[in-house]
Amino acid sequence: MSNKEKKDVAADTPNTIEEIVAATTIADVYKAAKNLDGVIKRTRLIESPFFSEISGNKVFIKPENLQNTGSFKLRGAYNKICQLSNEDRARGVITASAGNHAQGVGFAAQHLGCKAVICMPATTPILKVEATRAYGAEVVLFGDTFDDAAAKAIELQKEHGYIYIPPFDDKEVLLGQGTTALEIIEELKDVDAILVPIGGGGFASGVAIATKAVNPNVKVIGVEPAGAACMDNAFKKGHVDTLPFVDTVADGCAVKTPGQLTYAFCKKYLDEIITVSEMEIMSALLSLIEKHKLIAEGAGVLSLAALSKLTLKDKKVAAIVSGGNIDISTISALINKALVDRGREFCFSVPLSDKPGQLLNIAKILSDENANVTKLDHNQSQVTDSFKKVLLEVTCETHGHEHIARIIAALEKAGYTINKIY
């Protein structure tokens, strides 16, 4: 190519964010789909009677937690890296990620034969760190948030000349993510709405572009954790801004600052943003496990957590479960909190006279009320208001808040003073 031809190509290439948004078409998404052919799984929709009932709509789950690497992030990472020149691949790639983009970049780099360096927050669950290393990537742990890790990645990129692979604020990355929507619409042609999680906005951007290009009548609704609602904050302010802090169990969406490009795409194509609480996220996770026997991470179930907040009724809704990379200790803690919130676990303490038969009396009342004791601590060293009393702490499996109320009433009727711990 001559210098004149190169200049002509450069002149025709969109440079500003507004130009990139305006120039992006469905052809770009189909190109990404072709790049991913044979690399990703086509995750099939799962109809959910349970989530349909709580939503008032016919709900279909798009299980990207079953995708290669356990998340949708592979789509964008591979689409970006596969289009790099041989010279750029030889330099190696670097990125920052809370985990799922890391594994996507690691997988893609390994598949395409180039070095990958991944900067991750030091708080990243060990499962995601080890999974990333398993793809041959070099992992650098730095800071407490994604933004800290991103700053470190930029520093190392400049120092070593790596090619930076953005986790969300990049056209080729978000186009790769958008292929998820193509699969949904192909399988469910009369879908009325698609719910998609938002972290930095890449997934929501890609899904929204693809959806609106194929059928502008389909609503695309983004979902954010209330403790890290960076895109909702940007929408309200009318420009990209940085949250002072983020705090959420959805660690994959713990982003302070959305992308400039993704903000522009979301502003143009998203119909709505819904924010969900921490307890709504944990409850959705528990329901997915119980009703569908599927494991997901906190960020992965954001769309499910938002279903009960939809104003739509009697429509066909696709809820994307974006990822399933979660370690056992984290999932155990989240499940336990959700069980407590639903009244499925009850812990209380009660002072007892230090004489034989008192523990048996408590056990009989609990048995009569059909409460299953899972933990008991009869501690004689914990003296209460009297030297002749001990403190009993009991944890039970229960059937809801009404059941707990009946247990408390039965114990109090028998003369016991109950302190509800949770």
Protein backbone atom coordinates (compact mmCIF):
# COMPACT_ATOMS: atom_id res chain seq x y z
CA MET A 1 0.00 0.00 0.00
CA SER A 2 1.36 3.39 -1.01
CA ASN A 3 1.70 6.30 1.42
CA LYS A 4 -1.18 8.06 -0.37
CA GLU A 5 -3.40 4.96 0.02
CA LYS A 6 -2.51 4.75 3.71
CA LYS A 7 -3.45 8.39 4.18
CA ASP A 8 -6.75 7.83 2.38
CA VAL A 9 -7.58 4.86 4.64
CA ALA A 10 -6.67 6.86 7.75
CA ALA A 11 -8.88 9.71 6.60
CA ASP A 12 -11.83 7.32 6.23
CA THR A 13 -11.31 5.73 9.66
CA PRO A 14 -13.58 7.07 12.42
CA ASN A 15 -11.53 8.72 15.15
CA THR A 16 -13.86 10.45 17.58
CA ILE A 17 -16.24 8.59 19.85
CA GLU A 18 -19.20 10.10 18.02
CA GLU A 19 -17.81 8.93 14.66
CA ILE A 20 -17.15 5.42 15.97
CA VAL A 21 -20.68 5.10 17.34
CA ALA A 22 -22.23 6.43 14.15
CA ALA A 23 -20.12 4.15 11.91
CA THR A 24 -20.77 0.92 13.84
CA THR A 25 -23.31 -1.36 12.14
CA ILE A 26 -24.68 -4.88 12.37
CA ALA A 27 -22.08 -5.91 9.78
CA ASP A 28 -19.41 -5.28 12.43
CA VAL A 29 -21.18 -7.62 14.87
CA TYR A 30 -21.53 -10.33 12.20
CA LYS A 31 -17.81 -9.98 11.45
CA ALA A 32 -17.09 -10.59 15.14
CA ALA A 33 -19.37 -13.62 15.10
CA LYS A 34 -17.39 -15.03 12.16
CA ASN A 35 -14.12 -14.45 14.05
CA LEU A 36 -15.51 -16.40 17.01
CA ASP A 37 -16.89 -19.30 14.99
CA GLY A 38 -15.42 -22.54 16.34
CA VAL A 39 -13.89 -20.79 19.37
CA ILE A 40 -16.90 -20.16 21.62
CA LYS A 41 -19.82 -22.31 22.70
CA ARG A 42 -23.32 -21.40 21.57
CA THR A 43 -24.96 -21.37 24.98
CA ARG A 44 -28.60 -22.41 24.55
CA LEU A 45 -31.49 -20.62 26.23
CA ILE A 46 -33.10 -22.23 29.28
CA GLU A 47 -36.76 -21.48 29.95
CA SER A 48 -37.34 -20.77 33.65
CA PRO A 49 -40.79 -21.35 35.17
CA PHE A 50 -39.53 -20.05 38.54
CA PHE A 51 -38.14 -16.73 37.31
CA SER A 52 -41.11 -16.39 34.96
CA GLU A 53 -43.47 -16.56 37.92
CA ILE A 54 -41.68 -13.91 39.99
CA SER A 55 -41.31 -11.67 36.94
CA GLY A 56 -44.79 -11.94 35.40
CA ASN A 57 -43.07 -12.63 32.08
CA LYS A 58 -41.86 -15.68 30.18
CA VAL A 59 -38.19 -15.74 31.17
CA PHE A 60 -35.35 -17.46 29.32
CA ILE A 61 -31.87 -17.70 30.83
CA LYS A 62 -28.86 -17.21 28.53
CA PRO A 63 -26.22 -19.22 30.48
CA GLU A 64 -22.89 -17.61 29.60
CA ASN A 65 -21.62 -19.10 32.87
CA LEU A 66 -21.34 -22.28 30.77
CA GLN A 67 -19.22 -20.52 28.14
CA ASN A 68 -15.55 -21.47 27.59
CA THR A 69 -13.57 -19.81 30.44
CA GLY A 70 -16.87 -19.56 32.38
CA SER A 71 -17.95 -16.16 31.08
CA PHE A 72 -18.99 -14.04 28.07
CA LYS A 73 -15.68 -12.16 28.31
CA LEU A 74 -13.94 -14.63 26.01
CA ARG A 75 -16.00 -13.27 23.10
CA GLY A 76 -14.60 -9.75 23.27
CA ALA A 77 -11.05 -10.70 24.19
CA TYR A 78 -10.69 -13.17 21.34
CA ASN A 79 -12.31 -10.85 18.80
CA LYS A 80 -9.78 -8.16 19.70
CA ILE A 81 -6.62 -10.28 19.82
CA CYS A 82 -7.35 -12.32 16.70
CA GLN A 83 -7.32 -9.09 14.64
CA LEU A 84 -3.87 -7.99 15.84
CA SER A 85 -1.03 -8.16 13.34
CA ASN A 86 1.68 -10.79 13.75
CA GLU A 87 4.06 -8.02 14.82
CA ASP A 88 1.72 -6.84 17.56
CA ARG A 89 1.09 -10.36 18.82
CA ALA A 90 4.86 -10.85 19.05
CA ARG A 91 5.01 -7.90 21.47
CA GLY A 92 2.59 -9.65 23.82
CA VAL A 93 -0.69 -8.39 25.27
CA ILE A 94 -1.59 -6.93 28.65
CA THR A 95 -4.87 -6.11 30.37
CA ALA A 96 -6.51 -5.37 33.69
CA SER A 97 -9.38 -7.43 34.98
CA ALA A 98 -11.29 -8.52 38.08
CA GLY A 99 -11.13 -12.03 36.66
CA ASN A 100 -13.32 -12.96 33.70
CA HIS A 101 -11.70 -10.72 31.08
CA ALA A 102 -8.38 -12.01 32.41
CA GLN A 103 -9.32 -15.57 31.59
CA GLY A 104 -10.68 -14.53 28.20
CA VAL A 105 -7.42 -12.78 27.32
CA GLY A 106 -5.41 -15.71 28.68
CA PHE A 107 -7.41 -18.22 26.62
CA ALA A 108 -7.22 -16.10 23.46
CA ALA A 109 -3.49 -15.41 23.83
CA GLN A 110 -2.73 -19.07 24.41
CA HIS A 111 -4.91 -20.07 21.45
CA LEU A 112 -3.27 -17.48 19.17
CA GLY A 113 0.28 -18.01 20.43
CA CYS A 114 1.20 -14.78 22.18
CA LYS A 115 2.32 -13.77 25.67
CA ALA A 116 -0.30 -12.38 28.07
CA VAL A 117 0.21 -10.30 31.23
CA ILE A 118 -2.83 -9.74 33.43
CA CYS A 119 -3.11 -7.12 36.20
CA MET A 120 -5.76 -8.05 38.77
CA PRO A 121 -6.90 -6.43 42.03
CA ALA A 122 -5.26 -8.07 45.04
CA THR A 123 -8.80 -8.78 46.29
CA THR A 124 -9.63 -11.01 43.30
CA PRO A 125 -10.93 -14.47 44.37
CA ILE A 126 -8.15 -17.05 44.21
CA LEU A 127 -10.20 -19.23 41.83
CA LYS A 128 -10.04 -16.51 39.16
CA VAL A 129 -6.32 -15.89 39.75
CA GLU A 130 -5.39 -19.56 39.42
CA ALA A 131 -7.71 -20.06 36.44
CA THR A 132 -5.98 -17.18 34.65
CA ARG A 133 -2.53 -18.61 35.36
CA ALA A 134 -3.73 -21.97 34.04
CA TYR A 135 -3.99 -20.40 30.57
CA GLY A 136 -0.29 -19.54 30.72
CA ALA A 137 -0.76 -15.88 31.56
CA GLU A 138 1.53 -13.92 33.88
CA VAL A 139 -0.58 -12.47 36.74
CA VAL A 140 0.29 -9.22 38.54
CA LEU A 141 -1.82 -8.55 41.65
CA PHE A 142 -2.14 -4.86 42.47
CA GLY A 143 -4.51 -2.57 44.41
CA ASP A 144 -7.99 -3.11 45.80
CA THR A 145 -10.17 -2.30 42.77
CA PHE A 146 -10.27 -2.73 39.01
CA ASP A 147 -9.24 0.89 38.57
CA ASP A 148 -6.06 0.30 40.62
CA ALA A 149 -5.17 -2.72 38.51
CA ALA A 150 -5.92 -0.82 35.29
CA ALA A 151 -3.47 1.94 36.27
CA LYS A 152 -0.79 -0.70 36.89
CA ALA A 153 -1.47 -2.33 33.52
CA ILE A 154 -1.02 0.99 31.70
CA GLU A 155 2.27 1.53 33.54
CA LEU A 156 3.59 -1.91 32.51
CA GLN A 157 2.30 -1.49 28.95
CA LYS A 158 4.33 1.68 28.52
CA GLU A 159 7.38 0.11 30.14
CA HIS A 160 7.45 -3.10 28.07
CA GLY A 161 5.61 -2.17 24.87
CA TYR A 162 2.80 -4.67 25.28
CA ILE A 163 -0.48 -4.26 23.37
CA TYR A 164 -3.21 -3.24 25.79
CA ILE A 165 -6.49 -5.19 25.52
CA PRO A 166 -9.19 -3.08 27.19
CA PRO A 167 -11.74 -5.02 29.25
CA PHE A 168 -14.67 -2.98 27.95
CA ASP A 169 -13.89 0.43 26.42
CA ASP A 170 -12.94 -0.81 22.96
CA LYS A 171 -14.97 -1.27 19.80
CA GLU A 172 -13.67 -4.74 18.87
CA VAL A 173 -14.07 -5.98 22.44
CA LEU A 174 -17.65 -4.81 22.77
CA LEU A 175 -18.54 -6.12 19.30
CA GLY A 176 -17.38 -9.55 20.41
CA GLN A 177 -19.63 -9.33 23.46
CA GLY A 178 -22.51 -8.32 21.20
CA THR A 179 -22.50 -11.72 19.51
CA THR A 180 -24.36 -12.96 22.59
CA ALA A 181 -27.42 -11.00 21.46
CA LEU A 182 -27.26 -12.47 17.95
CA GLU A 183 -27.54 -15.95 19.45
CA ILE A 184 -30.48 -14.94 21.65
CA ILE A 185 -32.44 -13.41 18.76
CA GLU A 186 -31.66 -16.30 16.44
CA GLU A 187 -33.02 -18.79 18.99
CA LEU A 188 -35.89 -16.65 20.31
CA LYS A 189 -36.97 -14.57 17.35
CA ASP A 190 -39.94 -12.98 19.15
CA VAL A 191 -37.98 -11.91 22.24
CA ASP A 192 -39.36 -8.67 23.71
CA ALA A 193 -36.54 -7.67 26.07
CA ILE A 194 -32.96 -8.61 26.92
CA LEU A 195 -31.46 -7.97 30.36
CA VAL A 196 -27.68 -7.53 30.44
CA PRO A 197 -25.30 -6.81 33.36
CA ILE A 198 -23.23 -3.63 33.38
CA GLY A 199 -19.72 -3.30 34.76
CA GLY A 200 -17.76 -0.89 32.60
CA GLY A 201 -20.43 -1.08 29.91
CA GLY A 202 -18.81 -3.21 27.19
CA PHE A 203 -21.25 -6.10 27.43
CA ALA A 204 -24.28 -3.81 27.54
CA SER A 205 -22.94 -1.78 24.59
CA GLY A 206 -22.36 -4.81 22.39
CA VAL A 207 -25.67 -6.45 23.26
CA ALA A 208 -27.56 -3.20 22.70
CA ILE A 209 -25.91 -2.48 19.32
CA ALA A 210 -26.56 -5.98 18.00
CA THR A 211 -30.12 -6.12 19.33
CA LYS A 212 -31.22 -2.74 18.03
CA ALA A 213 -29.60 -3.35 14.64
CA VAL A 214 -31.52 -6.60 14.19
CA ASN A 215 -34.79 -5.48 15.80
CA PRO A 216 -35.11 -1.97 17.26
CA ASN A 217 -38.38 -2.96 18.96
CA VAL A 218 -36.59 -5.27 21.41
CA LYS A 219 -35.89 -3.50 24.69
CA VAL A 220 -32.36 -3.72 26.08
CA ILE A 221 -32.18 -3.17 29.83
CA GLY A 222 -28.89 -2.82 31.68
CA VAL A 223 -28.54 -3.99 35.29
CA GLU A 224 -26.04 -2.68 37.83
CA PRO A 225 -25.36 -3.38 41.51
CA ALA A 226 -26.46 -0.41 43.62
CA GLY A 227 -23.02 -0.44 45.24
CA ALA A 228 -21.22 0.06 41.90
CA ALA A 229 -23.72 1.80 39.62
CA CYS A 230 -21.18 3.74 37.55
CA MET A 231 -23.20 3.82 34.31
CA ASP A 232 -26.40 4.86 36.06
CA ASN A 233 -24.38 7.62 37.72
CA ALA A 234 -23.06 8.74 34.33
CA PHE A 235 -26.57 8.75 32.85
CA LYS A 236 -27.85 10.94 35.67
CA LYS A 237 -24.94 13.39 35.39
CA GLY A 238 -24.91 13.44 31.60
CA HIS A 239 -21.23 12.53 31.37
CA VAL A 240 -18.73 9.92 32.51
CA ASP A 241 -17.72 10.40 36.12
CA THR A 242 -15.90 8.37 38.77
CA LEU A 243 -17.66 6.97 41.80
CA PRO A 244 -15.87 7.72 45.10
CA PHE A 245 -15.92 4.01 45.98
CA VAL A 246 -17.59 0.74 45.04
CA ASP A 247 -18.85 -1.96 47.39
CA THR A 248 -20.62 -5.02 46.00
CA VAL A 249 -20.64 -8.82 46.06
CA ALA A 250 -20.74 -8.57 42.26
CA ASP A 251 -16.96 -8.20 42.10
CA GLY A 252 -16.92 -8.57 38.31
CA CYS A 253 -18.91 -5.31 38.09
CA ALA A 254 -17.03 -3.38 40.78
CA VAL A 255 -16.06 -0.57 38.39
CA LYS A 256 -15.79 3.08 39.49
CA THR A 257 -15.59 4.64 36.03
CA PRO A 258 -17.45 3.45 32.92
CA GLY A 259 -15.80 3.75 29.53
CA GLN A 260 -16.20 6.86 27.40
CA LEU A 261 -17.00 4.77 24.33
CA THR A 262 -19.31 2.40 26.19
CA TYR A 263 -21.12 5.34 27.77
CA ALA A 264 -21.80 6.77 24.31
CA PHE A 265 -23.09 3.43 23.00
CA CYS A 266 -25.22 2.80 26.09
CA LYS A 267 -26.64 6.33 25.98
CA LYS A 268 -27.70 5.78 22.38
CA TYR A 269 -29.01 2.22 22.55
CA LEU A 270 -29.97 1.23 26.11
CA ASP A 271 -33.66 1.61 26.98
CA GLU A 272 -33.24 1.55 30.76
CA ILE A 273 -30.90 0.84 33.67
CA ILE A 274 -32.10 -1.04 36.76
CA THR A 275 -30.04 -1.14 39.97
CA VAL A 276 -30.30 -4.06 42.39
CA SER A 277 -29.36 -4.43 46.06
CA GLU A 278 -26.79 -6.80 47.52
CA MET A 279 -29.51 -8.97 49.04
CA GLU A 280 -31.38 -9.13 45.72
CA ILE A 281 -28.17 -10.35 44.09
CA MET A 282 -27.60 -13.02 46.74
CA SER A 283 -31.22 -14.14 46.61
CA ALA A 284 -31.05 -14.50 42.81
CA LEU A 285 -27.89 -16.59 43.16
CA LEU A 286 -29.58 -18.91 45.65
CA SER A 287 -32.64 -19.27 43.41
CA LEU A 288 -30.52 -20.09 40.35
CA ILE A 289 -28.73 -22.83 42.29
CA GLU A 290 -31.90 -24.27 43.82
CA LYS A 291 -34.18 -24.07 40.79
CA HIS A 292 -31.77 -24.69 37.90
CA LYS A 293 -28.75 -26.35 39.54
CA LEU A 294 -26.51 -23.73 37.93
CA ILE A 295 -23.58 -21.97 39.60
CA ALA A 296 -22.96 -18.29 38.89
CA GLU A 297 -20.99 -15.44 40.40
CA GLY A 298 -22.47 -12.30 41.92
CA ALA A 299 -22.10 -10.23 38.74
CA GLY A 300 -23.45 -13.16 36.76
CA VAL A 301 -26.93 -13.03 38.31
CA LEU A 302 -27.58 -9.27 38.06
CA SER A 303 -30.12 -9.79 35.28
CA LEU A 304 -32.00 -12.36 37.33
CA ALA A 305 -32.00 -10.03 40.35
CA ALA A 306 -33.70 -7.34 38.25
CA LEU A 307 -36.56 -9.51 36.94
CA SER A 308 -38.98 -8.64 39.76
CA LYS A 309 -38.40 -4.92 39.05
CA LEU A 310 -39.49 -5.01 35.41
CA THR A 311 -42.49 -2.91 34.42
CA LEU A 312 -42.98 -5.26 31.45
CA LYS A 313 -45.60 -7.98 31.87
CA ASP A 314 -46.56 -11.02 29.79
CA LYS A 315 -43.51 -10.59 27.53
CA LYS A 316 -40.69 -12.87 26.46
CA VAL A 317 -37.57 -11.83 28.35
CA ALA A 318 -34.00 -13.12 27.99
CA ALA A 319 -31.87 -12.68 31.10
CA ILE A 320 -28.15 -13.14 30.53
CA VAL A 321 -26.25 -14.96 33.28
CA SER A 322 -22.88 -13.50 32.40
CA GLY A 323 -20.40 -15.66 34.33
CA GLY A 324 -19.90 -18.48 36.78
CA ASN A 325 -16.37 -18.04 38.13
CA ILE A 326 -16.81 -18.04 41.90
CA ASP A 327 -14.85 -19.81 44.63
CA ILE A 328 -16.47 -22.16 47.13
CA SER A 329 -15.89 -19.99 50.21
CA THR A 330 -17.49 -16.97 48.53
CA ILE A 331 -20.50 -18.87 47.27
CA SER A 332 -21.00 -20.42 50.71
CA ALA A 333 -21.01 -17.00 52.36
CA LEU A 334 -23.45 -15.55 49.82
CA ILE A 335 -25.81 -18.52 50.14
CA ASN A 336 -25.81 -18.30 53.93
CA LYS A 337 -26.72 -14.60 53.83
CA ALA A 338 -29.51 -15.30 51.35
CA LEU A 339 -30.85 -18.11 53.56
CA VAL A 340 -30.96 -15.77 56.56
CA ASP A 341 -32.73 -13.10 54.52
CA ARG A 342 -35.40 -15.61 53.49
CA GLY A 343 -35.90 -16.89 57.02
CA ARG A 344 -34.40 -20.26 56.14
CA GLU A 345 -31.80 -20.04 58.91
CA PHE A 346 -32.41 -18.82 62.45
CA CYS A 347 -29.84 -18.26 65.19
CA PHE A 348 -30.72 -17.25 68.74
CA SER A 349 -29.33 -17.29 72.26
CA VAL A 350 -31.18 -17.97 75.48
CA PRO A 351 -30.00 -17.86 79.13
CA LEU A 352 -30.70 -21.11 81.01
CA SER A 353 -30.54 -22.19 84.62
CA ASP A 354 -27.42 -24.27 85.15
CA LYS A 355 -29.20 -27.48 86.08
CA PRO A 356 -30.02 -30.78 84.31
CA GLY A 357 -32.92 -30.91 81.85
CA GLN A 358 -32.87 -27.34 80.53
CA LEU A 359 -31.25 -28.22 77.21
CA LEU A 360 -33.74 -31.07 76.77
CA ASN A 361 -36.65 -28.66 77.25
CA ILE A 362 -35.36 -26.35 74.51
CA ALA A 363 -34.75 -29.30 72.19
CA LYS A 364 -38.33 -30.57 72.69
CA ILE A 365 -39.86 -27.17 71.86
CA LEU A 366 -37.75 -26.91 68.70
CA SER A 367 -38.70 -30.46 67.71
CA ASP A 368 -42.40 -29.78 68.29
CA GLU A 369 -42.10 -26.69 66.04
CA ASN A 370 -40.34 -28.73 63.32
CA ALA A 371 -37.08 -26.76 63.50
CA ASN A 372 -33.93 -28.68 62.55
CA VAL A 373 -30.96 -27.84 64.80
CA THR A 374 -27.73 -27.49 62.81
CA LYS A 375 -25.46 -25.98 65.48
CA LEU A 376 -25.56 -25.72 69.24
CA ASP A 377 -23.22 -24.09 71.75
CA HIS A 378 -23.96 -24.73 75.45
CA ASN A 379 -21.36 -22.47 77.05
CA GLN A 380 -21.08 -22.62 80.82
CA SER A 381 -18.25 -20.07 80.83
CA GLN A 382 -20.55 -17.35 79.46
CA VAL A 383 -22.24 -16.24 82.66
CA THR A 384 -25.22 -13.94 82.14
CA ASP A 385 -26.84 -11.92 84.94
CA SER A 386 -26.51 -14.73 87.44
CA PHE A 387 -23.75 -17.09 88.51
CA LYS A 388 -26.26 -19.96 88.26
CA LYS A 389 -27.12 -19.34 84.59
CA VAL A 390 -25.42 -20.33 81.32
CA LEU A 391 -25.90 -19.12 77.76
CA LEU A 392 -27.20 -21.46 75.05
CA GLU A 393 -26.76 -20.49 71.39
CA VAL A 394 -28.72 -22.43 68.76
CA THR A 395 -28.78 -22.34 64.95
CA CYS A 396 -31.74 -23.94 63.14
CA GLU A 397 -32.98 -24.63 59.65
CA THR A 398 -36.39 -22.99 59.30
CA HIS A 399 -39.09 -22.54 56.67
CA GLY A 400 -39.47 -18.78 56.57
CA HIS A 401 -40.05 -15.76 58.77
CA GLU A 402 -43.50 -16.93 59.92
CA HIS A 403 -41.96 -20.21 61.07
CA ILE A 404 -39.32 -18.29 63.03
CA ALA A 405 -42.02 -16.18 64.66
CA ARG A 406 -43.85 -19.36 65.79
CA ILE A 407 -40.66 -20.79 67.27
CA ILE A 408 -39.96 -17.58 69.22
CA ALA A 409 -43.56 -17.49 70.47
CA ALA A 410 -43.36 -21.11 71.65
CA LEU A 411 -40.10 -20.51 73.50
CA GLU A 412 -41.39 -17.33 75.15
CA LYS A 413 -44.63 -19.09 76.15
CA ALA A 414 -42.46 -21.64 77.96
CA GLY A 415 -40.85 -18.79 79.92
CA TYR A 416 -37.61 -18.34 78.00
CA THR A 417 -36.11 -14.96 77.01
CA ILE A 418 -34.89 -15.08 73.42
CA ASN A 419 -32.19 -12.96 71.81
CA LYS A 420 -32.39 -13.27 68.01
CA ILE A 421 -28.86 -13.16 66.60
CA TYR A 422 -29.94 -13.52 62.94
